[in-house]
Amino acid sequence: MAIPGTKARDIVYGLSGFDILAGVWMLLAPFMLGYTGIESAFWNSLVCGVAIIALAASTEVDQWYRHAGLNWANVLIGVWLVISPFLLEFSDSYVAKWNYIGIGVLVGVLAFWGALVAPREKV
């Protein structure tokens, strides 16, 4: 899964950086895409955005990139983002639904890759 010649730490840092950007987008999305009026989508976006940022930023701390559990937690958040429009009943909002699905897949894939790479670093 690793890119030849690249340390696992660098890969995890890069992937986490993109997850942080996705988390920031989730914080901004209700305002930028205009779904602040859908209460469940609005609050879910804010909570998930903060959680994504916190978990991804944690992997950037010293040796914490080795803890794949932080990435696995973001994988779960990615899955939640994909299914939440249907469970929280805002799937009729085309913009919110597809934003959630797109960001959920992105966060999930990046975190999954980070989780697979993280424990493989040799000390």
C-alpha atoms as a PDB file:
ATOM      1  CA  MET A   1       0.000   0.000   0.000  1.00  0.00           C
ATOM      2  CA  ALA A   2       2.933   2.329   0.542  1.00  0.00           C
ATOM      3  CA  ILE A   3       4.550   4.371  -2.168  1.00  0.00           C
ATOM      4  CA  PRO A   4       8.060   2.973  -2.804  1.00  0.00           C
ATOM      5  CA  GLY A   5      10.769   5.037  -1.118  1.00  0.00           C
ATOM      6  CA  THR A   6       8.309   6.904   1.113  1.00  0.00           C
ATOM      7  CA  LYS A   7       8.143   6.477   4.862  1.00  0.00           C
ATOM      8  CA  ALA A   8       4.828   5.432   6.359  1.00  0.00           C
ATOM      9  CA  ARG A   9       4.932   8.531   8.560  1.00  0.00           C
ATOM     10  CA  ASP A  10       5.013  10.822   5.535  1.00  0.00           C
ATOM     11  CA  ILE A  11       2.150   8.969   3.880  1.00  0.00           C
ATOM     12  CA  VAL A  12      -0.002   9.068   7.017  1.00  0.00           C
ATOM     13  CA  TYR A  13       0.766  12.773   7.509  1.00  0.00           C
ATOM     14  CA  GLY A  14      -0.232  13.534   3.929  1.00  0.00           C
ATOM     15  CA  LEU A  15      -3.427  11.501   4.080  1.00  0.00           C
ATOM     16  CA  SER A  16      -4.349  13.052   7.416  1.00  0.00           C
ATOM     17  CA  GLY A  17      -3.766  16.497   5.961  1.00  0.00           C
ATOM     18  CA  PHE A  18      -6.357  15.817   3.288  1.00  0.00           C
ATOM     19  CA  ASP A  19      -8.744  14.445   5.927  1.00  0.00           C
ATOM     20  CA  ILE A  20      -8.296  17.682   7.892  1.00  0.00           C
ATOM     21  CA  LEU A  21      -9.264  19.650   4.778  1.00  0.00           C
ATOM     22  CA  ALA A  22     -12.327  17.425   4.330  1.00  0.00           C
ATOM     23  CA  GLY A  23     -13.270  18.080   7.971  1.00  0.00           C
ATOM     24  CA  VAL A  24     -12.944  21.826   7.442  1.00  0.00           C
ATOM     25  CA  TRP A  25     -15.151  21.491   4.371  1.00  0.00           C
ATOM     26  CA  MET A  26     -17.789  19.666   6.455  1.00  0.00           C
ATOM     27  CA  LEU A  27     -17.793  22.639   8.851  1.00  0.00           C
ATOM     28  CA  LEU A  28     -18.252  25.090   5.989  1.00  0.00           C
ATOM     29  CA  ALA A  29     -20.540  23.032   3.746  1.00  0.00           C
ATOM     30  CA  PRO A  30     -23.906  23.891   5.345  1.00  0.00           C
ATOM     31  CA  PHE A  31     -23.163  27.582   4.819  1.00  0.00           C
ATOM     32  CA  MET A  32     -21.507  27.249   1.419  1.00  0.00           C
ATOM     33  CA  LEU A  33     -24.064  24.815  -0.010  1.00  0.00           C
ATOM     34  CA  GLY A  34     -27.095  26.346   1.693  1.00  0.00           C
ATOM     35  CA  TYR A  35     -28.458  23.560   3.848  1.00  0.00           C
ATOM     36  CA  THR A  36     -28.348  25.334   7.209  1.00  0.00           C
ATOM     37  CA  GLY A  37     -32.147  25.067   7.308  1.00  0.00           C
ATOM     38  CA  ILE A  38     -31.998  21.271   7.524  1.00  0.00           C
ATOM     39  CA  GLU A  39     -31.288  20.945  11.219  1.00  0.00           C
ATOM     40  CA  SER A  40     -30.124  17.312  11.226  1.00  0.00           C
ATOM     41  CA  ALA A  41     -27.796  17.856   8.247  1.00  0.00           C
ATOM     42  CA  PHE A  42     -26.470  21.092   9.726  1.00  0.00           C
ATOM     43  CA  TRP A  43     -25.586  19.708  13.168  1.00  0.00           C
ATOM     44  CA  ASN A  44     -24.341  16.388  11.818  1.00  0.00           C
ATOM     45  CA  SER A  45     -22.033  18.268   9.464  1.00  0.00           C
ATOM     46  CA  LEU A  46     -20.597  20.351  12.297  1.00  0.00           C
ATOM     47  CA  VAL A  47     -20.107  17.420  14.684  1.00  0.00           C
ATOM     48  CA  CYS A  48     -18.576  15.175  12.033  1.00  0.00           C
ATOM     49  CA  GLY A  49     -16.343  17.984  10.751  1.00  0.00           C
ATOM     50  CA  VAL A  50     -14.919  18.595  14.223  1.00  0.00           C
ATOM     51  CA  ALA A  51     -14.447  14.854  14.817  1.00  0.00           C
ATOM     52  CA  ILE A  52     -12.680  14.341  11.479  1.00  0.00           C
ATOM     53  CA  ILE A  53     -10.352  17.261  12.157  1.00  0.00           C
ATOM     54  CA  ALA A  54      -9.590  16.129  15.712  1.00  0.00           C
ATOM     55  CA  LEU A  55      -8.820  12.534  14.722  1.00  0.00           C
ATOM     56  CA  ALA A  56      -6.794  13.429  11.638  1.00  0.00           C
ATOM     57  CA  ALA A  57      -4.859  16.134  13.483  1.00  0.00           C
ATOM     58  CA  SER A  58      -4.064  13.638  16.244  1.00  0.00           C
ATOM     59  CA  THR A  59      -2.169  11.476  13.771  1.00  0.00           C
ATOM     60  CA  GLU A  60       0.079  14.468  13.080  1.00  0.00           C
ATOM     61  CA  VAL A  61       1.319  14.518  16.706  1.00  0.00           C
ATOM     62  CA  ASP A  62       4.845  13.110  17.128  1.00  0.00           C
ATOM     63  CA  GLN A  63       4.604   9.286  17.054  1.00  0.00           C
ATOM     64  CA  TRP A  64       0.803   9.065  17.047  1.00  0.00           C
ATOM     65  CA  TYR A  65       0.768   8.314  13.321  1.00  0.00           C
ATOM     66  CA  ARG A  66       1.595   4.742  14.370  1.00  0.00           C
ATOM     67  CA  HIS A  67      -1.797   4.402  16.078  1.00  0.00           C
ATOM     68  CA  ALA A  68      -3.991   3.052  13.314  1.00  0.00           C
ATOM     69  CA  GLY A  69      -7.017   3.316  15.618  1.00  0.00           C
ATOM     70  CA  LEU A  70      -7.232   7.049  14.945  1.00  0.00           C
ATOM     71  CA  ASN A  71      -7.579   6.321  11.240  1.00  0.00           C
ATOM     72  CA  TRP A  72     -10.042   3.482  11.823  1.00  0.00           C
ATOM     73  CA  ALA A  73     -12.238   5.907  13.777  1.00  0.00           C
ATOM     74  CA  ASN A  74     -12.229   8.246  10.773  1.00  0.00           C
ATOM     75  CA  VAL A  75     -13.149   5.301   8.534  1.00  0.00           C
ATOM     76  CA  LEU A  76     -16.234   4.830  10.712  1.00  0.00           C
ATOM     77  CA  ILE A  77     -17.062   8.518  10.432  1.00  0.00           C
ATOM     78  CA  GLY A  78     -16.723   8.208   6.657  1.00  0.00           C
ATOM     79  CA  VAL A  79     -19.194   5.318   6.666  1.00  0.00           C
ATOM     80  CA  TRP A  80     -21.518   7.340   8.909  1.00  0.00           C
ATOM     81  CA  LEU A  81     -21.378  10.284   6.486  1.00  0.00           C
ATOM     82  CA  VAL A  82     -22.423   8.019   3.608  1.00  0.00           C
ATOM     83  CA  ILE A  83     -25.415   6.510   5.428  1.00  0.00           C
ATOM     84  CA  SER A  84     -26.494   9.460   7.590  1.00  0.00           C
ATOM     85  CA  PRO A  85     -28.560  11.292   4.924  1.00  0.00           C
ATOM     86  CA  PHE A  86     -30.837   8.258   4.828  1.00  0.00           C
ATOM     87  CA  LEU A  87     -30.910   7.557   8.562  1.00  0.00           C
ATOM     88  CA  LEU A  88     -31.365  11.212   9.533  1.00  0.00           C
ATOM     89  CA  GLU A  89     -33.922  11.669   6.736  1.00  0.00           C
ATOM     90  CA  PHE A  90     -32.403  14.455   4.698  1.00  0.00           C
ATOM     91  CA  SER A  91     -31.724  12.384   1.578  1.00  0.00           C
ATOM     92  CA  ASP A  92     -34.333  14.450  -0.282  1.00  0.00           C
ATOM     93  CA  SER A  93     -31.835  17.352  -0.243  1.00  0.00           C
ATOM     94  CA  TYR A  94     -29.790  16.558  -3.337  1.00  0.00           C
ATOM     95  CA  VAL A  95     -26.919  18.890  -2.422  1.00  0.00           C
ATOM     96  CA  ALA A  96     -26.582  17.780   1.205  1.00  0.00           C
ATOM     97  CA  LYS A  97     -26.935  14.091   0.358  1.00  0.00           C
ATOM     98  CA  TRP A  98     -24.263  14.062  -2.341  1.00  0.00           C
ATOM     99  CA  ASN A  99     -21.934  16.249  -0.312  1.00  0.00           C
ATOM    100  CA  TYR A 100     -22.184  13.767   2.550  1.00  0.00           C
ATOM    101  CA  ILE A 101     -21.689  10.773   0.280  1.00  0.00           C
ATOM    102  CA  GLY A 102     -18.718  12.325  -1.527  1.00  0.00           C
ATOM    103  CA  ILE A 103     -16.945  13.534   1.595  1.00  0.00           C
ATOM    104  CA  GLY A 104     -17.773  10.288   3.413  1.00  0.00           C
ATOM    105  CA  VAL A 105     -16.147   8.203   0.683  1.00  0.00           C
ATOM    106  CA  LEU A 106     -13.142  10.547   0.550  1.00  0.00           C
ATOM    107  CA  VAL A 107     -12.592  10.534   4.328  1.00  0.00           C
ATOM    108  CA  GLY A 108     -13.169   6.789   4.530  1.00  0.00           C
ATOM    109  CA  VAL A 109     -10.728   5.930   1.745  1.00  0.00           C
ATOM    110  CA  LEU A 110      -8.007   8.285   2.988  1.00  0.00           C
ATOM    111  CA  ALA A 111      -8.334   7.057   6.577  1.00  0.00           C
ATOM    112  CA  PHE A 112      -8.461   3.410   5.456  1.00  0.00           C
ATOM    113  CA  TRP A 113      -5.239   3.879   3.520  1.00  0.00           C
ATOM    114  CA  GLY A 114      -3.675   5.613   6.529  1.00  0.00           C
ATOM    115  CA  ALA A 115      -4.759   2.789   8.833  1.00  0.00           C
ATOM    116  CA  LEU A 116      -3.180   0.195   6.549  1.00  0.00           C
ATOM    117  CA  VAL A 117       0.086   2.110   6.244  1.00  0.00           C
ATOM    118  CA  ALA A 118       0.495   3.268   9.866  1.00  0.00           C
ATOM    119  CA  PRO A 119       1.376   0.017  11.633  1.00  0.00           C
ATOM    120  CA  ARG A 120       3.776  -1.099   8.909  1.00  0.00           C
ATOM    121  CA  GLU A 121       6.463   1.464   9.746  1.00  0.00           C
ATOM    122  CA  LYS A 122       9.583  -0.213  11.089  1.00  0.00           C
ATOM    123  CA  VAL A 123      11.091   1.393  14.172  1.00  0.00           C
END
